[in-house]
Structures are given as structure tokens and as C-alpha cells.
């Protein structure tokens, strides 16, 4: 199963079920996950983790 397939299936779910309120939550979680992954090996990591 490709990542593109998962995104497309999620988009279809949001369109059919009219669950538009889930979109900001999903975007926030993806951005937060990306931030944690990108700063994992840097000197900023302790400061990022201290925020949460």
C-alpha cells in the first residue's frame, strides 16, 4: 500500500462523510510529526520537546 493511496483514501473519506473538522487536526499532527522528525538529531531538539 503506497503512501499516496492512504492520502487519497483519507481525502475520499473526508469528502464522502463530510468530516471537514478532521482536516485541521490531521494537518496539525502531520506538521508536528514532521517537526519532530526534522529536529531529531539537531541541537534544537531539547527546546522543541520542552514546548510540549
N, C-alpha and C. Protein backbone atom coordinates (compact mmCIF):
# COMPACT_ATOMS: atom_id res chain seq x y z
N UNK A 1 0.85 -1.18 0.00
CA UNK A 1 0.00 0.00 0.00
C UNK A 1 0.89 1.24 0.00
N UNK A 2 0.71 2.08 -0.95
CA UNK A 2 1.56 3.26 -1.06
C UNK A 2 1.03 4.40 -0.20
N UNK A 3 1.90 5.34 0.07
CA UNK A 3 1.51 6.50 0.88
C UNK A 3 0.49 7.36 0.15
N UNK A 4 0.63 7.43 -1.17
CA UNK A 4 -0.32 8.20 -1.96
C UNK A 4 -1.72 7.60 -1.87
N UNK A 5 -1.79 6.29 -1.81
CA UNK A 5 -3.07 5.60 -1.69
C UNK A 5 -3.74 5.94 -0.35
N UNK A 6 -2.96 6.02 0.70
CA UNK A 6 -3.51 6.33 2.02
C UNK A 6 -4.06 7.75 2.04
N UNK A 7 -3.31 8.68 1.44
CA UNK A 7 -3.75 10.08 1.39
C UNK A 7 -5.03 10.19 0.57
N UNK A 8 -5.07 9.50 -0.57
CA UNK A 8 -6.25 9.56 -1.42
C UNK A 8 -7.46 8.94 -0.73
N UNK A 9 -7.26 7.85 -0.01
CA UNK A 9 -8.36 7.22 0.72
C UNK A 9 -8.86 8.13 1.84
N UNK A 10 -7.96 8.80 2.53
CA UNK A 10 -8.35 9.73 3.58
C UNK A 10 -9.14 10.90 3.00
N UNK A 11 -8.69 11.42 1.85
CA UNK A 11 -9.40 12.52 1.20
C UNK A 11 -10.81 12.09 0.80
N UNK A 12 -10.95 10.88 0.25
CA UNK A 12 -12.27 10.37 -0.13
C UNK A 12 -13.17 10.23 1.10
N UNK A 13 -12.62 9.77 2.21
CA UNK A 13 -13.38 9.64 3.44
C UNK A 13 -13.90 10.99 3.91
N UNK A 14 -13.01 12.01 3.87
CA UNK A 14 -13.41 13.34 4.31
C UNK A 14 -14.50 13.92 3.41
N UNK A 15 -14.41 13.68 2.11
CA UNK A 15 -15.40 14.20 1.17
C UNK A 15 -16.75 13.51 1.34
N UNK A 16 -16.74 12.18 1.43
CA UNK A 16 -18.00 11.43 1.47
C UNK A 16 -18.71 11.62 2.81
N UNK A 17 -17.97 11.54 3.88
CA UNK A 17 -18.58 11.61 5.22
C UNK A 17 -18.77 13.04 5.74
N UNK A 18 -18.26 14.03 5.00
CA UNK A 18 -18.38 15.45 5.39
C UNK A 18 -17.75 15.71 6.77
N UNK A 19 -16.59 15.13 6.98
CA UNK A 19 -15.88 15.30 8.25
C UNK A 19 -14.78 16.35 8.09
N UNK A 20 -15.15 17.54 7.64
CA UNK A 20 -14.16 18.59 7.37
C UNK A 20 -13.47 19.07 8.64
N UNK A 21 -14.07 18.88 9.79
CA UNK A 21 -13.46 19.32 11.04
C UNK A 21 -12.22 18.49 11.37
N UNK A 22 -12.08 17.31 10.75
CA UNK A 22 -10.90 16.48 10.99
C UNK A 22 -9.66 17.00 10.26
N UNK A 23 -9.86 17.76 9.20
CA UNK A 23 -8.74 18.22 8.38
C UNK A 23 -7.72 19.06 9.17
N UNK A 24 -8.11 20.06 9.96
CA UNK A 24 -7.09 20.81 10.74
C UNK A 24 -6.34 19.94 11.75
N UNK A 25 -7.04 18.98 12.33
CA UNK A 25 -6.38 18.10 13.30
C UNK A 25 -5.33 17.24 12.61
N UNK A 26 -5.68 16.68 11.47
CA UNK A 26 -4.75 15.84 10.72
C UNK A 26 -3.55 16.66 10.25
N UNK A 27 -3.80 17.86 9.73
CA UNK A 27 -2.69 18.71 9.27
C UNK A 27 -1.76 19.08 10.42
N UNK A 28 -2.33 19.39 11.58
CA UNK A 28 -1.51 19.73 12.74
C UNK A 28 -0.64 18.54 13.16
N UNK A 29 -1.21 17.35 13.17
CA UNK A 29 -0.45 16.17 13.57
C UNK A 29 0.66 15.86 12.57
N UNK A 30 0.39 16.05 11.28
CA UNK A 30 1.42 15.82 10.26
C UNK A 30 2.55 16.83 10.41
N UNK A 31 2.20 18.10 10.61
CA UNK A 31 3.24 19.13 10.79
C UNK A 31 4.05 18.90 12.05
N UNK A 32 3.40 18.52 13.12
CA UNK A 32 4.10 18.24 14.38
C UNK A 32 5.03 17.04 14.23
N UNK A 33 4.55 16.00 13.55
CA UNK A 33 5.39 14.83 13.30
C UNK A 33 6.59 15.18 12.45
N UNK A 34 6.38 16.00 11.41
CA UNK A 34 7.49 16.43 10.56
C UNK A 34 8.50 17.26 11.33
N UNK A 35 8.01 18.13 12.21
CA UNK A 35 8.92 18.95 13.03
C UNK A 35 9.76 18.07 13.95
N UNK A 36 9.16 17.08 14.55
CA UNK A 36 9.90 16.19 15.45
C UNK A 36 10.93 15.38 14.67
N UNK A 37 10.55 14.90 13.49
CA UNK A 37 11.49 14.12 12.68
C UNK A 37 12.66 14.97 12.22
N UNK A 38 12.37 16.21 11.77
CA UNK A 38 13.43 17.07 11.25
C UNK A 38 14.40 17.54 12.33
N UNK A 39 13.93 17.73 13.55
CA UNK A 39 14.80 18.24 14.62
C UNK A 39 15.33 17.13 15.52
N UNK A 40 15.13 15.89 15.13
CA UNK A 40 15.53 14.77 15.99
C UNK A 40 17.02 14.76 16.29
N UNK A 41 17.84 15.03 15.31
CA UNK A 41 19.28 14.95 15.53
C UNK A 41 19.95 16.30 15.71
N UNK A 42 19.19 17.34 15.86
CA UNK A 42 19.81 18.67 15.93
C UNK A 42 19.89 19.17 17.37
N UNK A 43 20.53 20.30 17.51
CA UNK A 43 20.67 20.90 18.83
C UNK A 43 19.36 21.55 19.29
N UNK A 44 18.40 21.70 18.39
CA UNK A 44 17.11 22.30 18.76
C UNK A 44 16.16 21.31 19.43
N UNK A 45 16.46 20.04 19.35
CA UNK A 45 15.56 19.02 19.87
C UNK A 45 15.15 19.24 21.34
N UNK A 46 16.06 19.54 22.25
CA UNK A 46 15.62 19.74 23.64
C UNK A 46 14.65 20.91 23.80
N UNK A 47 14.80 21.94 22.98
CA UNK A 47 13.90 23.08 23.07
C UNK A 47 12.52 22.76 22.50
N UNK A 48 12.49 21.99 21.42
CA UNK A 48 11.22 21.59 20.82
C UNK A 48 10.45 20.72 21.79
N UNK A 49 11.10 19.75 22.40
CA UNK A 49 10.43 18.85 23.33
C UNK A 49 9.99 19.58 24.60
N UNK A 50 10.69 20.64 24.98
CA UNK A 50 10.32 21.39 26.17
C UNK A 50 9.02 22.17 25.97
N UNK A 51 8.71 22.50 24.72
CA UNK A 51 7.47 23.23 24.43
C UNK A 51 6.26 22.38 24.78
N UNK A 52 6.36 21.08 24.52
CA UNK A 52 5.22 20.20 24.75
C UNK A 52 5.36 19.49 26.06
